[in-house]
Amino acid sequence: MLADRITIEDTDTEVQIEGVYPDETANEKQYTISGYGADFDVEGMVRRLDREAIEIPEFQRTYVWKQKQASRFIESLLMGLPVPGVFLYRDKDSQTLRVIDGQQRLLSLQFYYGGKFPGSKGEFRLMGLKSRFNGLAYQDLTEQDKRRLNDSIIHASIIQQVSPDDDGTSQFALFERLNTTSTSLSPQEIRAAIYGGQLNELLVELNTDESWRTLFGKISTRKRDQELILRFIALYFSFDQYEPPMKSFLNRFMHENKDLEIYLASDMRRVFHETVSVILEKLGDKAFKPRRILNAAVQDSLMIGIARRLEKGPILSEIGDEYKCLARNKEFGDLIYSQTSHLENVRRRIHLATEAFSNVE
């Protein structure tokens, strides 16, 4: 039973982006997964959470339960009633257990044992209950009730990816398939949850760049702006490794570079800042919006074209005419609106954008 799905409120419906995943083909990758069941006592589970041996992935609005919901769950354990199990993913390198499903329940227990409910000024006391446990903090429980709660069992299904052994991408597929509520997590929210690290922190930092904010618009609560930054960085630094679908390419890049051991943060930071600054200065805030809506294929190809030109030095001349010529190019127009993730189409439109600005002074 998957009782507390991952949910997130979509509050930026005005952010419209063309060409993100309009023509993605299904991912044909096959996985071999090992799995087993384990029973954890509640006290042991909370201790593992406290020392981060069990990791709650960080993404926006991780904890959404109200105090009454958390109280009823804890009451069930105190009353000896069965509760749903949790779903954990064992990281191959660190052996850390990452929560795929069950975070609301686990965080509720951690908060109760810690004595503090998020957003509440006072001590975490059970509320909204009709039983004798109403109004009790953990420290108020009798020794017998504490033992009953501490020794209560939560069943965990633990999985680990066996093959392919060069990535951890099955986590992404699991998040997508388990995350089935009315407002699903966006792909970048999932990446932030399972590939958290220095690259993810860098994306958050770059997303505050003033030129980028003007070009993109208001900050996306669904991390769509961060995904477009990732898309540019991945294609710029790892273009020869691109294979469709785009979603899987970005997953691999973020997984392989999560700790910035391949490419330097300083290089990524410099290329991004210089590129968006030139685009805003030379082409204005509508540069990525050929039809009033931001087009992801225009954004990544234009940014890469400009970035490659900047490798030779600053751009001193105006580039508006080159931009207009590129925009009027029928082939480029076809490539930014149709099958935008196909291998040859990605290569060709980025080639056209690179050629358009290669000789500007």
Protein backbone atom coordinates (compact mmCIF):
# COMPACT_ATOMS: atom_id res chain seq x y z
CA MET A 1 0.00 0.00 0.00
CA LEU A 2 1.39 3.40 -0.97
CA ALA A 3 -0.50 5.69 1.31
CA ASP A 4 1.41 8.96 1.22
CA ARG A 5 2.39 9.76 -2.33
CA ILE A 6 4.83 12.55 -3.06
CA THR A 7 2.90 15.71 -3.83
CA ILE A 8 3.80 19.26 -4.68
CA GLU A 9 1.61 22.24 -5.40
CA ASP A 10 1.87 23.70 -8.90
CA THR A 11 1.80 27.45 -8.33
CA ASP A 12 3.46 28.70 -11.50
CA THR A 13 1.10 27.64 -14.25
CA GLU A 14 1.96 30.84 -16.11
CA VAL A 15 5.41 29.44 -16.90
CA GLN A 16 5.00 27.94 -20.36
CA ILE A 17 7.85 26.25 -22.17
CA GLU A 18 7.72 24.77 -25.65
CA GLY A 19 9.81 21.82 -26.69
CA VAL A 20 10.76 20.33 -23.33
CA TYR A 21 9.65 16.72 -23.85
CA PRO A 22 7.00 16.94 -26.60
CA ASP A 23 8.24 14.02 -28.65
CA GLU A 24 10.13 11.83 -26.23
CA THR A 25 10.06 8.16 -27.10
CA ALA A 26 9.70 5.61 -24.36
CA ASN A 27 12.88 4.67 -22.55
CA GLU A 28 13.67 1.12 -23.62
CA LYS A 29 16.23 0.55 -20.85
CA GLN A 30 15.81 -2.72 -18.99
CA TYR A 31 16.71 -2.99 -15.32
CA THR A 32 17.68 -5.83 -13.05
CA ILE A 33 16.68 -4.96 -9.50
CA SER A 34 17.40 -6.87 -6.32
CA GLY A 35 15.00 -6.46 -3.46
CA TYR A 36 14.21 -7.74 -0.01
CA GLY A 37 11.96 -6.95 2.90
CA ALA A 38 13.11 -5.75 6.30
CA ASP A 39 11.25 -4.96 9.51
CA PHE A 40 12.46 -1.91 11.43
CA ASP A 41 11.41 -0.99 14.92
CA VAL A 42 10.26 2.63 15.12
CA GLU A 43 12.98 3.72 17.56
CA GLY A 44 15.67 2.26 15.29
CA MET A 45 14.11 3.89 12.24
CA VAL A 46 14.14 7.32 13.91
CA ARG A 47 17.78 6.87 14.98
CA ARG A 48 18.71 6.02 11.39
CA LEU A 49 16.90 9.14 10.19
CA ASP A 50 18.70 11.29 12.76
CA ARG A 51 22.14 10.12 11.65
CA GLU A 52 21.08 10.19 7.96
CA ALA A 53 21.59 6.47 7.42
CA ILE A 54 18.08 6.75 6.01
CA GLU A 55 17.91 9.78 3.77
CA ILE A 56 14.82 11.83 3.01
CA PRO A 57 15.47 13.39 -0.43
CA GLU A 58 15.26 17.16 -0.37
CA PHE A 59 12.91 18.91 -2.75
CA GLN A 60 10.32 21.62 -2.39
CA ARG A 61 7.57 21.04 0.18
CA THR A 62 8.91 17.70 1.30
CA TYR A 63 6.58 17.50 4.30
CA VAL A 64 2.92 18.22 3.61
CA TRP A 65 1.01 16.43 6.37
CA LYS A 66 -0.99 18.41 8.89
CA GLN A 67 -0.45 17.80 12.58
CA LYS A 68 -3.74 15.92 12.86
CA GLN A 69 -2.68 13.53 10.08
CA ALA A 70 0.64 12.87 11.78
CA SER A 71 -1.12 12.39 15.12
CA ARG A 72 -3.50 9.78 13.73
CA PHE A 73 -0.61 7.83 12.22
CA ILE A 74 1.31 7.83 15.51
CA GLU A 75 -1.87 6.90 17.37
CA SER A 76 -2.23 3.84 15.15
CA LEU A 77 1.19 2.64 16.26
CA LEU A 78 0.43 3.34 19.91
CA MET A 79 -2.77 1.31 19.57
CA GLY A 80 -0.95 -1.60 17.94
CA LEU A 81 -2.68 -1.19 14.59
CA PRO A 82 -0.92 -2.12 11.33
CA VAL A 83 0.44 0.74 9.22
CA PRO A 84 1.60 0.86 5.59
CA GLY A 85 5.20 -0.05 4.84
CA VAL A 86 7.82 2.16 3.25
CA PHE A 87 9.85 1.85 0.05
CA LEU A 88 13.61 2.43 0.26
CA TYR A 89 16.39 2.51 -2.35
CA ARG A 90 19.89 1.42 -1.29
CA ASP A 91 22.58 3.61 -2.85
CA LYS A 92 25.30 1.40 -4.33
CA ASP A 93 28.23 3.64 -3.35
CA SER A 94 27.29 4.97 0.08
CA GLN A 95 24.91 2.16 1.09
CA THR A 96 22.60 4.89 2.37
CA LEU A 97 18.90 4.06 2.25
CA ARG A 98 16.97 6.68 0.29
CA VAL A 99 13.23 7.01 0.85
CA ILE A 100 11.23 6.48 -2.33
CA ASP A 101 7.82 6.25 -0.68
CA GLY A 102 6.83 6.81 2.95
CA GLN A 103 8.47 10.11 3.78
CA GLN A 104 5.37 11.61 5.41
CA ARG A 105 5.17 8.75 7.91
CA LEU A 106 8.87 8.68 8.66
CA LEU A 107 9.17 12.43 9.10
CA SER A 108 6.11 12.42 11.38
CA LEU A 109 7.88 9.95 13.67
CA GLN A 110 11.13 11.92 13.59
CA PHE A 111 9.30 15.13 14.47
CA TYR A 112 7.37 13.46 17.29
CA TYR A 113 10.48 11.98 18.87
CA GLY A 114 12.27 15.31 18.40
CA GLY A 115 9.39 17.17 20.05
CA LYS A 116 8.83 19.75 17.31
CA PHE A 117 6.24 19.87 14.54
CA PRO A 118 7.14 22.05 11.51
CA GLY A 119 5.55 25.48 11.75
CA SER A 120 4.40 24.96 15.32
CA LYS A 121 5.77 27.12 18.12
CA GLY A 122 5.14 24.68 20.93
CA GLU A 123 6.03 21.08 21.63
CA PHE A 124 4.69 18.43 19.24
CA ARG A 125 1.63 17.05 21.00
CA LEU A 126 -0.82 14.62 19.45
CA MET A 127 -4.01 16.41 18.51
CA GLY A 128 -7.46 15.75 17.07
CA LEU A 129 -7.68 12.29 18.65
CA LYS A 130 -10.51 10.73 20.64
CA SER A 131 -8.20 8.36 22.51
CA ARG A 132 -6.28 8.85 25.74
CA PHE A 133 -3.23 9.83 23.68
CA ASN A 134 -4.68 13.18 22.66
CA GLY A 135 -2.52 16.08 23.84
CA LEU A 136 0.51 13.94 24.70
CA ALA A 137 4.06 14.70 23.62
CA TYR A 138 6.51 11.81 23.37
CA GLN A 139 7.96 12.66 26.77
CA ASP A 140 4.45 12.54 28.29
CA LEU A 141 3.87 8.90 27.32
CA THR A 142 4.03 6.29 30.02
CA GLU A 143 7.07 4.02 29.94
CA GLN A 144 4.82 1.21 28.72
CA ASP A 145 3.45 3.34 25.87
CA LYS A 146 6.96 4.49 24.93
CA ARG A 147 8.09 0.87 24.71
CA ARG A 148 5.05 -0.01 22.61
CA LEU A 149 5.80 2.82 20.18
CA ASN A 150 9.56 2.20 20.17
CA ASP A 151 9.07 -1.50 19.44
CA SER A 152 6.36 -1.04 16.81
CA ILE A 153 7.37 -2.49 13.47
CA ILE A 154 7.42 -0.71 10.11
CA HIS A 155 8.02 -2.97 7.15
CA ALA A 156 10.40 -1.71 4.48
CA SER A 157 10.81 -2.92 0.92
CA ILE A 158 14.45 -2.28 0.03
CA ILE A 159 15.70 -2.36 -3.54
CA GLN A 160 19.05 -1.88 -5.25
CA GLN A 161 19.85 -1.58 -8.94
CA VAL A 162 21.97 -4.51 -10.13
CA SER A 163 22.19 -3.65 -13.81
CA PRO A 164 23.00 -1.54 -15.63
CA ASP A 165 25.69 -0.88 -13.04
CA ASP A 166 26.96 2.40 -14.48
CA ASP A 167 24.17 4.62 -13.21
CA GLY A 168 21.39 4.93 -10.68
CA THR A 169 18.67 5.81 -13.14
CA SER A 170 16.19 3.22 -11.91
CA GLN A 171 15.59 5.63 -9.01
CA PHE A 172 14.22 8.19 -11.47
CA ALA A 173 11.88 5.60 -13.02
CA LEU A 174 10.70 4.55 -9.57
CA PHE A 175 9.98 8.11 -8.49
CA GLU A 176 7.99 8.72 -11.67
CA ARG A 177 5.95 5.55 -11.32
CA LEU A 178 5.29 5.83 -7.58
CA ASN A 179 4.51 9.52 -7.86
CA THR A 180 0.97 9.23 -9.22
CA THR A 181 -0.98 11.95 -7.47
CA SER A 182 -2.91 14.65 -9.32
CA THR A 183 0.13 16.96 -9.34
CA SER A 184 3.21 14.90 -10.14
CA LEU A 185 6.75 15.96 -9.48
CA SER A 186 8.50 17.51 -12.44
CA PRO A 187 11.55 15.68 -13.85
CA GLN A 188 13.91 18.26 -12.33
CA GLU A 189 12.28 17.96 -8.91
CA ILE A 190 12.95 14.23 -9.07
CA ARG A 191 16.57 14.82 -10.12
CA ALA A 192 17.05 17.23 -7.24
CA ALA A 193 15.69 14.57 -4.90
CA ILE A 194 17.83 11.64 -6.02
CA TYR A 195 20.95 13.31 -7.49
CA GLY A 196 21.41 15.91 -4.79
CA GLY A 197 24.97 17.18 -4.54
CA GLN A 198 27.28 19.95 -5.66
CA LEU A 199 25.86 20.12 -9.18
CA ASN A 200 22.34 20.55 -7.85
CA GLU A 201 23.58 23.28 -5.51
CA LEU A 202 25.26 24.98 -8.46
CA LEU A 203 22.01 24.92 -10.45
CA VAL A 204 20.23 26.62 -7.55
CA GLU A 205 22.97 29.26 -7.46
CA LEU A 206 22.99 29.89 -11.22
CA ASN A 207 19.22 30.21 -11.20
CA THR A 208 19.59 33.50 -9.28
CA ASP A 209 21.64 35.16 -12.04
CA GLU A 210 19.94 38.48 -12.85
CA SER A 211 20.33 38.16 -16.62
CA TRP A 212 18.89 34.65 -16.56
CA ARG A 213 15.96 35.75 -14.42
CA THR A 214 15.13 38.47 -16.95
CA LEU A 215 15.36 36.02 -19.86
CA PHE A 216 13.34 33.25 -18.19
CA GLY A 217 10.91 35.16 -15.99
CA LYS A 218 9.77 34.52 -12.42
CA ILE A 219 11.34 31.66 -10.49
CA SER A 220 9.61 28.37 -11.23
CA THR A 221 8.37 26.52 -8.16
CA ARG A 222 8.67 23.33 -10.22
CA LYS A 223 12.37 23.85 -11.06
CA ARG A 224 11.72 24.21 -14.79
CA ASP A 225 14.23 27.05 -14.96
CA GLN A 226 16.88 24.92 -13.25
CA GLU A 227 16.22 22.14 -15.75
CA LEU A 228 16.88 24.50 -18.67
CA ILE A 229 20.17 25.54 -17.05
CA LEU A 230 21.07 21.86 -16.67
CA ARG A 231 20.09 21.27 -20.29
CA PHE A 232 22.47 23.99 -21.49
CA ILE A 233 25.34 22.84 -19.28
CA ALA A 234 24.91 19.18 -20.20
CA LEU A 235 24.77 19.85 -23.94
CA TYR A 236 27.66 22.34 -23.82
CA PHE A 237 30.05 20.20 -21.79
CA SER A 238 28.90 16.76 -22.91
CA PHE A 239 27.48 17.29 -26.39
CA ASP A 240 29.26 14.30 -27.94
CA GLN A 241 27.60 12.00 -25.40
CA TYR A 242 24.07 13.11 -26.18
CA GLU A 243 21.64 10.28 -26.90
CA PRO A 244 17.87 10.66 -26.85
CA PRO A 245 15.60 10.85 -25.05
CA MET A 246 16.58 14.21 -23.55
CA LYS A 247 15.16 13.30 -20.15
CA SER A 248 17.47 10.29 -19.83
CA PHE A 249 20.47 12.29 -21.06
CA LEU A 250 19.90 14.88 -18.33
CA ASN A 251 19.44 12.12 -15.75
CA ARG A 252 22.78 10.55 -16.69
CA PHE A 253 24.63 13.87 -16.72
CA MET A 254 23.31 14.87 -13.32
CA HIS A 255 24.06 11.45 -11.84
CA GLU A 256 27.61 11.30 -13.23
CA ASN A 257 28.43 14.90 -12.27
CA LYS A 258 26.52 15.30 -9.02
CA ASP A 259 29.77 15.90 -7.08
CA LEU A 260 31.46 17.92 -9.88
CA GLU A 261 34.34 15.51 -10.24
CA ILE A 262 34.41 15.68 -14.07
CA TYR A 263 33.77 19.35 -14.86
CA LEU A 264 34.72 22.26 -12.63
CA ALA A 265 32.06 24.44 -11.03
CA SER A 266 34.11 27.50 -11.93
CA ASP A 267 34.01 26.59 -15.64
CA MET A 268 30.26 25.99 -15.58
CA ARG A 269 29.68 29.19 -13.66
CA ARG A 270 31.80 31.29 -16.01
CA VAL A 271 30.27 29.93 -19.23
CA PHE A 272 26.72 30.35 -17.96
CA HIS A 273 27.12 33.89 -16.61
CA GLU A 274 28.96 35.16 -19.69
CA THR A 275 26.47 33.60 -22.10
CA VAL A 276 23.25 34.85 -20.54
CA SER A 277 24.76 38.30 -20.01
CA VAL A 278 25.64 38.64 -23.70
CA ILE A 279 22.27 37.30 -24.86
CA LEU A 280 20.33 39.75 -22.70
CA GLU A 281 22.55 42.69 -23.65
CA LYS A 282 22.63 41.97 -27.39
CA LEU A 283 19.26 40.31 -28.06
CA GLY A 284 16.95 41.43 -25.26
CA ASP A 285 14.61 39.62 -22.91
CA LYS A 286 12.59 37.92 -25.70
CA ALA A 287 15.58 36.06 -27.14
CA PHE A 288 14.22 32.61 -26.15
CA LYS A 289 10.60 33.40 -27.04
CA PRO A 290 10.01 33.33 -30.81
CA ARG A 291 6.26 32.96 -30.25
CA ARG A 292 5.89 34.74 -26.88
CA ILE A 293 6.48 31.41 -25.12
CA LEU A 294 9.93 30.28 -24.06
CA ASN A 295 11.12 27.60 -26.49
CA ALA A 296 13.59 25.17 -24.91
CA ALA A 297 15.14 24.22 -28.25
CA VAL A 298 15.77 27.88 -29.08
CA GLN A 299 17.16 28.46 -25.60
CA ASP A 300 19.71 25.65 -25.59
CA SER A 301 20.85 26.03 -29.20
CA LEU A 302 21.16 29.82 -28.94
CA MET A 303 23.05 29.62 -25.66
CA ILE A 304 25.45 27.00 -27.00
CA GLY A 305 26.00 28.96 -30.20
CA ILE A 306 26.86 32.10 -28.25
CA ALA A 307 28.93 30.20 -25.68
CA ARG A 308 31.05 28.61 -28.40
CA ARG A 309 31.68 31.98 -29.97
CA LEU A 310 32.69 33.38 -26.56
CA GLU A 311 35.42 30.74 -26.39
CA LYS A 312 37.34 32.96 -28.85
CA GLY A 313 36.89 36.14 -26.81
CA PRO A 314 34.32 38.86 -26.03
CA ILE A 315 31.62 39.75 -28.55
CA LEU A 316 31.99 43.46 -29.31
CA SER A 317 29.67 43.90 -32.29
CA GLU A 318 25.89 43.76 -32.48
CA ILE A 319 24.46 40.34 -33.31
CA GLY A 320 20.81 41.19 -33.96
CA ASP A 321 21.07 40.62 -37.71
CA GLU A 322 22.62 37.18 -37.23
CA TYR A 323 19.86 36.29 -34.79
CA LYS A 324 17.14 37.40 -37.21
CA CYS A 325 18.75 35.44 -40.04
CA LEU A 326 18.82 32.31 -37.87
CA ALA A 327 15.21 32.83 -36.83
CA ARG A 328 14.13 33.13 -40.50
CA ASN A 329 16.01 29.97 -41.48
CA LYS A 330 13.29 27.48 -42.44
CA GLU A 331 15.38 24.46 -41.47
CA PHE A 332 16.09 25.91 -38.03
CA GLY A 333 12.40 26.72 -37.63
CA ASP A 334 11.46 23.12 -38.37
CA LEU A 335 14.05 21.80 -35.93
CA ILE A 336 12.88 23.88 -32.95
CA TYR A 337 9.24 22.81 -33.23
CA SER A 338 9.35 19.18 -34.32
CA GLN A 339 11.14 16.14 -32.88
CA THR A 340 13.35 18.45 -30.86
CA SER A 341 15.03 15.64 -28.89
CA HIS A 342 15.97 13.43 -31.84
CA LEU A 343 19.72 12.97 -32.13
CA GLU A 344 20.23 14.41 -35.61
CA ASN A 345 17.80 17.27 -34.98
CA VAL A 346 19.64 18.30 -31.80
CA ARG A 347 22.99 18.16 -33.56
CA ARG A 348 21.74 20.07 -36.60
CA ARG A 349 19.99 22.95 -34.82
CA ILE A 350 22.94 23.49 -32.49
CA HIS A 351 25.25 23.42 -35.53
CA LEU A 352 23.11 26.06 -37.26
CA ALA A 353 23.13 28.29 -34.17
CA THR A 354 26.88 27.87 -33.77
CA GLU A 355 27.49 28.74 -37.41
CA ALA A 356 25.23 31.79 -37.20
CA PHE A 357 27.44 33.50 -34.59
CA SER A 358 30.83 31.96 -35.33
CA ASN A 359 32.20 34.96 -37.27
CA VAL A 360 30.78 37.90 -35.33
CA GLU A 361 33.38 40.31 -34.03
